[in-house]
Structure formats: structure tokens, C-alpha cells
PDB file of N, CA and C in Angstrom:
ATOM      1  N   MET A   1     -35.363-122.937 156.091  1.00  0.00           N
ATOM      2  CA  MET A   1     -35.010-124.338 155.982  1.00  0.00           C
ATOM      3  C   MET A   1     -34.121-124.723 157.156  1.00  0.00           C
ATOM      4  N   SER A   2     -34.353-125.859 157.708  1.00  0.00           N
ATOM      5  CA  SER A   2     -33.636-126.319 158.890  1.00  0.00           C
ATOM      6  C   SER A   2     -32.283-126.907 158.523  1.00  0.00           C
ATOM      7  N   ASP A   3     -31.324-126.792 159.440  1.00  0.00           N
ATOM      8  CA  ASP A   3     -30.022-127.434 159.245  1.00  0.00           C
ATOM      9  C   ASP A   3     -30.142-128.943 159.331  1.00  0.00           C
ATOM     10  N   LYS A   4     -31.246-129.419 159.856  1.00  0.00           N
ATOM     11  CA  LYS A   4     -31.467-130.851 160.050  1.00  0.00           C
ATOM     12  C   LYS A   4     -32.272-131.439 158.884  1.00  0.00           C
ATOM     13  N   THR A   5     -32.033-130.951 157.681  1.00  0.00           N
ATOM     14  CA  THR A   5     -32.736-131.460 156.509  1.00  0.00           C
ATOM     15  C   THR A   5     -32.431-132.940 156.345  1.00  0.00           C
ATOM     16  N   PRO A   6     -33.473-133.781 156.168  1.00  0.00           N
ATOM     17  CA  PRO A   6     -33.203-135.209 156.008  1.00  0.00           C
ATOM     18  C   PRO A   6     -32.386-135.467 154.749  1.00  0.00           C
ATOM     19  N   LYS A   7     -31.488-136.406 154.849  1.00  0.00           N
ATOM     20  CA  LYS A   7     -30.646-136.742 153.711  1.00  0.00           C
ATOM     21  C   LYS A   7     -31.409-137.644 152.754  1.00  0.00           C
ATOM     22  N   THR A   8     -31.129-137.478 151.480  1.00  0.00           N
ATOM     23  CA  THR A   8     -31.725-138.326 150.461  1.00  0.00           C
ATOM     24  C   THR A   8     -30.725-139.392 150.071  1.00  0.00           C
ATOM     25  N   ASP A   9     -31.166-140.326 149.227  1.00  0.00           N
ATOM     26  CA  ASP A   9     -30.247-141.358 148.740  1.00  0.00           C
ATOM     27  C   ASP A   9     -29.091-140.736 147.971  1.00  0.00           C
ATOM     28  N   LYS A  10     -29.338-139.575 147.341  1.00  0.00           N
ATOM     29  CA  LYS A  10     -28.275-138.902 146.589  1.00  0.00           C
ATOM     30  C   LYS A  10     -27.154-138.438 147.519  1.00  0.00           C
ATOM     31  N   ASP A  11     -27.483-138.196 148.796  1.00  0.00           N
ATOM     32  CA  ASP A  11     -26.490-137.719 149.756  1.00  0.00           C
ATOM     33  C   ASP A  11     -25.764-138.859 150.465  1.00  0.00           C
ATOM     34  N   ALA A  12     -26.183-140.091 150.236  1.00  0.00           N
ATOM     35  CA  ALA A  12     -25.618-141.222 150.970  1.00  0.00           C
ATOM     36  C   ALA A  12     -24.122-141.364 150.748  1.00  0.00           C
ATOM     37  N   TRP A  13     -23.631-140.973 149.560  1.00  0.00           N
ATOM     38  CA  TRP A  13     -22.205-141.119 149.263  1.00  0.00           C
ATOM     39  C   TRP A  13     -21.350-140.303 150.243  1.00  0.00           C
ATOM     40  N   ALA A  14     -21.906-139.232 150.792  1.00  0.00           N
ATOM     41  CA  ALA A  14     -21.133-138.366 151.682  1.00  0.00           C
ATOM     42  C   ALA A  14     -20.900-139.008 153.046  1.00  0.00           C
ATOM     43  N   ASP A  15     -21.644-140.057 153.361  1.00  0.00           N
ATOM     44  CA  ASP A  15     -21.523-140.694 154.665  1.00  0.00           C
ATOM     45  C   ASP A  15     -20.590-141.902 154.676  1.00  0.00           C
ATOM     46  N   ARG A  16     -19.899-142.131 153.571  1.00  0.00           N
ATOM     47  CA  ARG A  16     -19.005-143.289 153.544  1.00  0.00           C
ATOM     48  C   ARG A  16     -17.626-142.871 153.049  1.00  0.00           C
ATOM     49  N   GLU A  17     -16.642-143.673 153.389  1.00  0.00           N
ATOM     50  CA  GLU A  17     -15.288-143.408 152.914  1.00  0.00           C
ATOM     51  C   GLU A  17     -15.158-143.872 151.472  1.00  0.00           C
ATOM     52  N   TRP A  18     -14.236-143.245 150.747  1.00  0.00           N
ATOM     53  CA  TRP A  18     -14.007-143.623 149.360  1.00  0.00           C
ATOM     54  C   TRP A  18     -13.316-144.977 149.298  1.00  0.00           C
ATOM     55  N   SER A  19     -13.756-145.791 148.354  1.00  0.00           N
ATOM     56  CA  SER A  19     -13.102-147.076 148.106  1.00  0.00           C
ATOM     57  C   SER A  19     -12.055-146.867 147.012  1.00  0.00           C
ATOM     58  N   GLN A  20     -11.263-147.890 146.759  1.00  0.00           N
ATOM     59  CA  GLN A  20     -10.281-147.791 145.674  1.00  0.00           C
ATOM     60  C   GLN A  20     -10.999-147.578 144.347  1.00  0.00           C
ATOM     61  N   ALA A  21     -12.175-148.202 144.174  1.00  0.00           N
ATOM     62  CA  ALA A  21     -12.938-148.025 142.934  1.00  0.00           C
ATOM     63  C   ALA A  21     -13.352-146.556 142.760  1.00  0.00           C
ATOM     64  N   ASP A  22     -13.705-145.878 143.870  1.00  0.00           N
ATOM     65  CA  ASP A  22     -14.052-144.464 143.792  1.00  0.00           C
ATOM     66  C   ASP A  22     -12.856-143.647 143.317  1.00  0.00           C
ATOM     67  N   PHE A  23     -11.693-143.934 143.867  1.00  0.00           N
ATOM     68  CA  PHE A  23     -10.484-143.208 143.464  1.00  0.00           C
ATOM     69  C   PHE A  23     -10.144-143.502 142.007  1.00  0.00           C
ATOM     70  N   ASP A  24     -10.351-144.740 141.564  1.00  0.00           N
ATOM     71  CA  ASP A  24     -10.058-145.104 140.179  1.00  0.00           C
ATOM     72  C   ASP A  24     -10.971-144.366 139.207  1.00  0.00           C
ATOM     73  N   ARG A  25     -12.230-144.098 139.602  1.00  0.00           N
ATOM     74  CA  ARG A  25     -13.186-143.382 138.739  1.00  0.00           C
ATOM     75  C   ARG A  25     -12.993-141.866 138.790  1.00  0.00           C
ATOM     76  N   ALA A  26     -12.313-141.368 139.787  1.00  0.00           N
ATOM     77  CA  ALA A  26     -12.164-139.922 139.962  1.00  0.00           C
ATOM     78  C   ALA A  26     -11.401-139.324 138.783  1.00  0.00           C
ATOM     79  N   GLN A  27     -11.739-138.074 138.451  1.00  0.00           N
ATOM     80  CA  GLN A  27     -11.090-137.377 137.345  1.00  0.00           C
ATOM     81  C   GLN A  27     -10.380-136.143 137.875  1.00  0.00           C
ATOM     82  N   SER A  28      -9.323-135.752 137.182  1.00  0.00           N
ATOM     83  CA  SER A  28      -8.648-134.510 137.547  1.00  0.00           C
ATOM     84  C   SER A  28      -9.526-133.347 137.090  1.00  0.00           C
ATOM     85  N   PRO A  29      -9.376-132.177 137.681  1.00  0.00           N
ATOM     86  CA  PRO A  29     -10.187-131.028 137.264  1.00  0.00           C
ATOM     87  C   PRO A  29     -10.036-130.712 135.777  1.00  0.00           C
ATOM     88  N   GLU A  30      -8.853-130.954 135.216  1.00  0.00           N
ATOM     89  CA  GLU A  30      -8.621-130.659 133.809  1.00  0.00           C
ATOM     90  C   GLU A  30      -9.472-131.546 132.902  1.00  0.00           C
ATOM     91  N   ALA A  31      -9.889-132.726 133.379  1.00  0.00           N
ATOM     92  CA  ALA A  31     -10.678-133.656 132.573  1.00  0.00           C
ATOM     93  C   ALA A  31     -12.163-133.301 132.572  1.00  0.00           C
ATOM     94  N   LEU A  32     -12.574-132.387 133.446  1.00  0.00           N
ATOM     95  CA  LEU A  32     -13.986-132.011 133.525  1.00  0.00           C
ATOM     96  C   LEU A  32     -14.338-131.037 132.401  1.00  0.00           C
ATOM     97  N   PRO A  33     -15.594-131.019 131.970  1.00  0.00           N
ATOM     98  CA  PRO A  33     -16.006-130.061 130.932  1.00  0.00           C
ATOM     99  C   PRO A  33     -15.769-128.623 131.389  1.00  0.00           C
ATOM    100  N   GLY A  34     -15.517-127.746 130.440  1.00  0.00           N
ATOM    101  CA  GLY A  34     -15.236-126.344 130.742  1.00  0.00           C
ATOM    102  C   GLY A  34     -16.321-125.684 131.564  1.00  0.00           C
ATOM    103  N   ALA A  35     -17.585-126.025 131.301  1.00  0.00           N
ATOM    104  CA  ALA A  35     -18.693-125.412 132.040  1.00  0.00           C
ATOM    105  C   ALA A  35     -18.626-125.770 133.521  1.00  0.00           C
ATOM    106  N   VAL A  36     -18.206-126.987 133.816  1.00  0.00           N
ATOM    107  CA  VAL A  36     -18.083-127.403 135.218  1.00  0.00           C
ATOM    108  C   VAL A  36     -16.931-126.651 135.876  1.00  0.00           C
ATOM    109  N   ARG A  37     -15.789-126.574 135.179  1.00  0.00           N
ATOM    110  CA  ARG A  37     -14.631-125.840 135.730  1.00  0.00           C
ATOM    111  C   ARG A  37     -14.977-124.375 135.931  1.00  0.00           C
ATOM    112  N   ASP A  38     -15.737-123.791 134.978  1.00  0.00           N
ATOM    113  CA  ASP A  38     -16.107-122.373 135.072  1.00  0.00           C
ATOM    114  C   ASP A  38     -17.041-122.101 136.241  1.00  0.00           C
ATOM    115  N   ALA A  39     -17.722-123.129 136.727  1.00  0.00           N
ATOM    116  CA  ALA A  39     -18.630-122.959 137.859  1.00  0.00           C
ATOM    117  C   ALA A  39     -17.866-122.754 139.161  1.00  0.00           C
ATOM    118  N   PHE A  40     -16.565-123.013 139.152  1.00  0.00           N
ATOM    119  CA  PHE A  40     -15.730-122.865 140.353  1.00  0.00           C
ATOM    120  C   PHE A  40     -14.569-121.912 140.056  1.00  0.00           C
ATOM    121  N   PRO A  41     -14.866-120.637 139.795  1.00  0.00           N
ATOM    122  CA  PRO A  41     -13.813-119.711 139.388  1.00  0.00           C
ATOM    123  C   PRO A  41     -12.819-119.363 140.483  1.00  0.00           C
ATOM    124  N   ARG A  42     -13.149-119.635 141.735  1.00  0.00           N
ATOM    125  CA  ARG A  42     -12.260-119.238 142.825  1.00  0.00           C
ATOM    126  C   ARG A  42     -11.207-120.286 143.135  1.00  0.00           C
ATOM    127  N   THR A  43     -11.129-121.340 142.348  1.00  0.00           N
ATOM    128  CA  THR A  43     -10.114-122.365 142.558  1.00  0.00           C
ATOM    129  C   THR A  43      -8.749-121.749 142.299  1.00  0.00           C
ATOM    130  N   ARG A  44      -7.835-121.980 143.209  1.00  0.00           N
ATOM    131  CA  ARG A  44      -6.503-121.401 143.066  1.00  0.00           C
ATOM    132  C   ARG A  44      -5.753-122.048 141.918  1.00  0.00           C
ATOM    133  N   GLY A  45      -5.031-121.252 141.209  1.00  0.00           N
ATOM    134  CA  GLY A  45      -4.173-121.740 140.140  1.00  0.00           C
ATOM    135  C   GLY A  45      -2.776-121.963 140.674  1.00  0.00           C
ATOM    136  N   PRO A  46      -1.825-122.153 139.784  1.00  0.00           N
ATOM    137  CA  PRO A  46      -0.448-122.346 140.224  1.00  0.00           C
ATOM    138  C   PRO A  46       0.071-121.105 140.951  1.00  0.00           C
ATOM    139  N   GLN A  47       0.973-121.321 141.881  1.00  0.00           N
ATOM    140  CA  GLN A  47       1.548-120.212 142.640  1.00  0.00           C
ATOM    141  C   GLN A  47       2.392-119.352 141.705  1.00  0.00           C
ATOM    142  N   LYS A  48       2.217-118.033 141.792  1.00  0.00           N
ATOM    143  CA  LYS A  48       2.901-117.124 140.885  1.00  0.00           C
ATOM    144  C   LYS A  48       4.269-116.682 141.400  1.00  0.00           C
ATOM    145  N   THR A  49       4.474-116.766 142.687  1.00  0.00           N
ATOM    146  CA  THR A  49       5.757-116.376 143.255  1.00  0.00           C
ATOM    147  C   THR A  49       6.427-117.615 143.837  1.00  0.00           C
ATOM    148  N   PRO A  50       7.724-117.559 144.076  1.00  0.00           N
ATOM    149  CA  PRO A  50       8.398-118.733 144.646  1.00  0.00           C
ATOM    150  C   PRO A  50       7.760-119.162 145.964  1.00  0.00           C
ATOM    151  N   THR A  51       7.710-120.431 146.170  1.00  0.00           N
ATOM    152  CA  THR A  51       7.117-120.988 147.377  1.00  0.00           C
ATOM    153  C   THR A  51       7.993-120.676 148.579  1.00  0.00           C
ATOM    154  N   LYS A  52       7.345-120.266 149.642  1.00  0.00           N
ATOM    155  CA  LYS A  52       8.071-120.044 150.897  1.00  0.00           C
ATOM    156  C   LYS A  52       8.063-121.343 151.686  1.00  0.00           C
ATOM    157  N   VAL A  53       9.011-121.487 152.576  1.00  0.00           N
ATOM    158  CA  VAL A  53       9.162-122.697 153.369  1.00  0.00           C
ATOM    159  C   VAL A  53       8.590-122.459 154.759  1.00  0.00           C
ATOM    160  N   PRO A  54       7.616-123.261 155.181  1.00  0.00           N
ATOM    161  CA  PRO A  54       7.076-123.070 156.531  1.00  0.00           C
ATOM    162  C   PRO A  54       8.090-123.534 157.573  1.00  0.00           C
ATOM    163  N   VAL A  55       8.321-122.700 158.570  1.00  0.00           N
ATOM    164  CA  VAL A  55       9.249-123.041 159.651  1.00  0.00           C
ATOM    165  C   VAL A  55       8.624-122.647 160.983  1.00  0.00           C
ATOM    166  N   SER A  56       9.161-123.213 162.025  1.00  0.00           N
ATOM    167  CA  SER A  56       8.775-122.816 163.365  1.00  0.00           C
ATOM    168  C   SER A  56       9.993-122.153 163.980  1.00  0.00           C
ATOM    169  N   ILE A  57       9.810-120.944 164.475  1.00  0.00           N
ATOM    170  CA  ILE A  57      10.935-120.192 165.037  1.00  0.00           C
ATOM    171  C   ILE A  57      10.470-119.499 166.312  1.00  0.00           C
ATOM    172  N   ARG A  58      11.334-119.449 167.304  1.00  0.00           N
ATOM    173  CA  ARG A  58      11.000-118.780 168.562  1.00  0.00           C
ATOM    174  C   ARG A  58      11.644-117.402 168.542  1.00  0.00           C
ATOM    175  N   LEU A  59      10.825-116.377 168.690  1.00  0.00           N
ATOM    176  CA  LEU A  59      11.298-114.993 168.692  1.00  0.00           C
ATOM    177  C   LEU A  59      10.941-114.349 170.023  1.00  0.00           C
ATOM    178  N   SER A  60      11.662-113.312 170.376  1.00  0.00           N
ATOM    179  CA  SER A  60      11.357-112.560 171.597  1.00  0.00           C
ATOM    180  C   SER A  60       9.972-111.947 171.480  1.00  0.00           C
ATOM    181  N   ALA A  61       9.276-111.882 172.589  1.00  0.00           N
ATOM    182  CA  ALA A  61       7.925-111.330 172.604  1.00  0.00           C
ATOM    183  C   ALA A  61       7.901-109.893 172.093  1.00  0.00           C
ATOM    184  N   ASP A  62       8.942-109.109 172.422  1.00  0.00           N
ATOM    185  CA  ASP A  62       8.949-107.725 171.972  1.00  0.00           C
ATOM    186  C   ASP A  62       9.164-107.612 170.464  1.00  0.00           C
ATOM    187  N   VAL A  63       9.894-108.562 169.873  1.00  0.00           N
ATOM    188  CA  VAL A  63      10.082-108.570 168.416  1.00  0.00           C
ATOM    189  C   VAL A  63       8.751-108.864 167.732  1.00  0.00           C
ATOM    190  N   VAL A  64       8.050-109.877 168.205  1.00  0.00           N
ATOM    191  CA  VAL A  64       6.759-110.242 167.625  1.00  0.00           C
ATOM    192  C   VAL A  64       5.767-109.093 167.801  1.00  0.00           C
ATOM    193  N   ALA A  65       5.736-108.489 168.986  1.00  0.00           N
ATOM    194  CA  ALA A  65       4.821-107.377 169.248  1.00  0.00           C
ATOM    195  C   ALA A  65       5.096-106.212 168.305  1.00  0.00           C
ATOM    196  N   HIS A  66       6.376-105.933 168.053  1.00  0.00           N
ATOM    197  CA  HIS A  66       6.752-104.833 167.160  1.00  0.00           C
ATOM    198  C   HIS A  66       6.189-105.061 165.754  1.00  0.00           C
ATOM    199  N   PHE A  67       6.386-106.248 165.213  1.00  0.00           N
ATOM    200  CA  PHE A  67       5.929-106.516 163.855  1.00  0.00           C
ATOM    201  C   PHE A  67       4.408-106.644 163.781  1.00  0.00           C
ATOM    202  N   LYS A  68       3.785-107.256 164.792  1.00  0.00           N
ATOM    203  CA  LYS A  68       2.327-107.384 164.791  1.00  0.00           C
ATOM    204  C   LYS A  68       1.648-106.024 164.928  1.00  0.00           C
ATOM    205  N   ALA A  69       2.313-105.074 165.576  1.00  0.00           N
ATOM    206  CA  ALA A  69       1.738-103.740 165.746  1.00  0.00           C
ATOM    207  C   ALA A  69       1.541-103.054 164.394  1.00  0.00           C
ATOM    208  N   GLY A  70       2.276-103.498 163.385  1.00  0.00           N
ATOM    209  CA  GLY A  70       2.129-102.939 162.037  1.00  0.00           C
ATOM    210  C   GLY A  70       0.920-103.470 161.299  1.00  0.00           C
ATOM    211  N   GLY A  71       0.188-104.400 161.899  1.00  0.00           N
ATOM    212  CA  GLY A  71      -1.017-104.938 161.274  1.00  0.00           C
ATOM    213  C   GLY A  71      -0.743-106.180 160.453  1.00  0.00           C
ATOM    214  N   PRO A  72      -1.725-106.557 159.623  1.00  0.00           N
ATOM    215  CA  PRO A  72      -1.569-107.751 158.803  1.00  0.00           C
ATOM    216  C   PRO A  72      -0.318-107.677 157.936  1.00  0.00           C
ATOM    217  N   GLY A  73       0.276-108.819 157.693  1.00  0.00           N
ATOM    218  CA  GLY A  73       1.505-108.874 156.902  1.00  0.00           C
ATOM    219  C   GLY A  73       2.753-108.872 157.759  1.00  0.00           C
ATOM    220  N   TRP A  74       2.591-109.072 159.055  1.00  0.00           N
ATOM    221  CA  TRP A  74       3.741-108.987 159.956  1.00  0.00           C
ATOM    222  C   TRP A  74       4.777-110.067 159.658  1.00  0.00           C
ATOM    223  N   GLN A  75       4.346-111.249 159.242  1.00  0.00           N
ATOM    224  CA  GLN A  75       5.314-112.302 158.916  1.00  0.00           C
ATOM    225  C   GLN A  75       6.095-111.929 157.657  1.00  0.00           C
ATOM    226  N   ARG A  76       5.426-111.320 156.692  1.00  0.00           N
ATOM    227  CA  ARG A  76       6.101-110.861 155.472  1.00  0.00           C
ATOM    228  C   ARG A  76       7.140-109.797 155.825  1.00  0.00           C
ATOM    229  N   ARG A  77       6.788-108.897 156.761  1.00  0.00           N
ATOM    230  CA  ARG A  77       7.738-107.844 157.144  1.00  0.00           C
ATOM    231  C   ARG A  77       8.952-108.426 157.851  1.00  0.00           C
ATOM    232  N   ILE A  78       8.755-109.468 158.644  1.00  0.00           N
ATOM    233  CA  ILE A  78       9.910-110.132 159.269  1.00  0.00           C
ATOM    234  C   ILE A  78      10.794-110.719 158.174  1.00  0.00           C
ATOM    235  N   ASP A  79      10.185-111.368 157.172  1.00  0.00           N
ATOM    236  CA  ASP A  79      10.924-111.951 156.061  1.00  0.00           C
ATOM    237  C   ASP A  79      11.733-110.876 155.324  1.00  0.00           C
ATOM    238  N   GLU A  80      11.083-109.731 155.048  1.00  0.00           N
ATOM    239  CA  GLU A  80      11.772-108.646 154.350  1.00  0.00           C
ATOM    240  C   GLU A  80      12.936-108.103 155.171  1.00  0.00           C
ATOM    241  N   THR A  81      12.747-107.978 156.471  1.00  0.00           N
ATOM    242  CA  THR A  81      13.811-107.481 157.347  1.00  0.00           C
ATOM    243  C   THR A  81      14.998-108.434 157.341  1.00  0.00           C
ATOM    244  N   LEU A  82      14.728-109.722 157.422  1.00  0.00           N
ATOM    245  CA  LEU A  82      15.815-110.702 157.389  1.00  0.00           C
ATOM    246  C   LEU A  82      16.545-110.681 156.045  1.00  0.00           C
ATOM    247  N   LYS A  83      15.805-110.493 154.958  1.00  0.00           N
ATOM    248  CA  LYS A  83      16.440-110.405 153.631  1.00  0.00           C
ATOM    249  C   LYS A  83      17.376-109.192 153.555  1.00  0.00           C
ATOM    250  N   LYS A  84      16.951-108.063 154.147  1.00  0.00           N
ATOM    251  CA  LYS A  84      17.810-106.868 154.167  1.00  0.00           C
ATOM    252  C   LYS A  84      19.098-107.135 154.920  1.00  0.00           C
ATOM    253  N   VAL A  85      18.997-107.812 156.055  1.00  0.00           N
ATOM    254  CA  VAL A  85      20.181-108.138 156.846  1.00  0.00           C
ATOM    255  C   VAL A  85      21.134-109.001 156.032  1.00  0.00           C
ATOM    256  N   ILE A  86      20.591-109.993 155.333  1.00  0.00           N
ATOM    257  CA  ILE A  86      21.420-110.876 154.510  1.00  0.00           C
ATOM    258  C   ILE A  86      22.110-110.082 153.403  1.00  0.00           C
ATOM    259  N   ALA A  87      21.378-109.174 152.758  1.00  0.00           N
ATOM    260  CA  ALA A  87      21.934-108.375 151.665  1.00  0.00           C
ATOM    261  C   ALA A  87      23.048-107.459 152.152  1.00  0.00           C
ATOM    262  N   GLU A  88      22.968-106.990 153.390  1.00  0.00           N
ATOM    263  CA  GLU A  88      23.983-106.094 153.932  1.00  0.00           C
ATOM    264  C   GLU A  88      25.276-106.818 154.290  1.00  0.00           C
ATOM    265  N   GLN A  89      25.218-108.114 154.422  1.00  0.00           N
ATOM    266  CA  GLN A  89      26.417-108.870 154.832  1.00  0.00           C
ATOM    267  C   GLN A  89      27.350-109.111 153.675  1.00  0.00           C
TER     268      GLN A  89
END
């Protein structure tokens, strides 16, 4: 099947912006029938751990290289290291 499949009238809604009436008719996921919600099991639920705060910070290249050399999770390891420093004070 080609990526250039012709659109049908059913697809026309995707080519326009939502109006206020569209937003007024919209339902929250909780209002949908269970079978519909069950069709999307990968939807994220509430966060289980405290929310972290996104920040922008400038670090020395050698510091970043050190933590990145440990593989994925390098930002978490920086966070843990900073927490240790705080606990020691």
C-alpha cells in the first residue's frame, strides 16, 4: 500500500483545525467506554515518583563526558551525585 493513499471524507477532519464546538464535544478519556480505553493500554498513568524540575545548566565538558561514559541514565547519576553532596553538608 502506498503512503499516498487518497483521503476519504472520513479523513477530512484531520485537515482542519478544531473549532470551539469540537472542543465542547470532546470527552475526557475517563468518559470513554472501557473497551475504548482498553484499546490504548500504553497510555501513561499518573507519575509514581515525585516530579523532577527541568532546568538548563552549563557543566564542564569533562564532567558531562564522565557521566555520559557510564551509558544511559547519566542525568539521573548527576542528580544522585548532587543529592549525596547535599546530604554530606
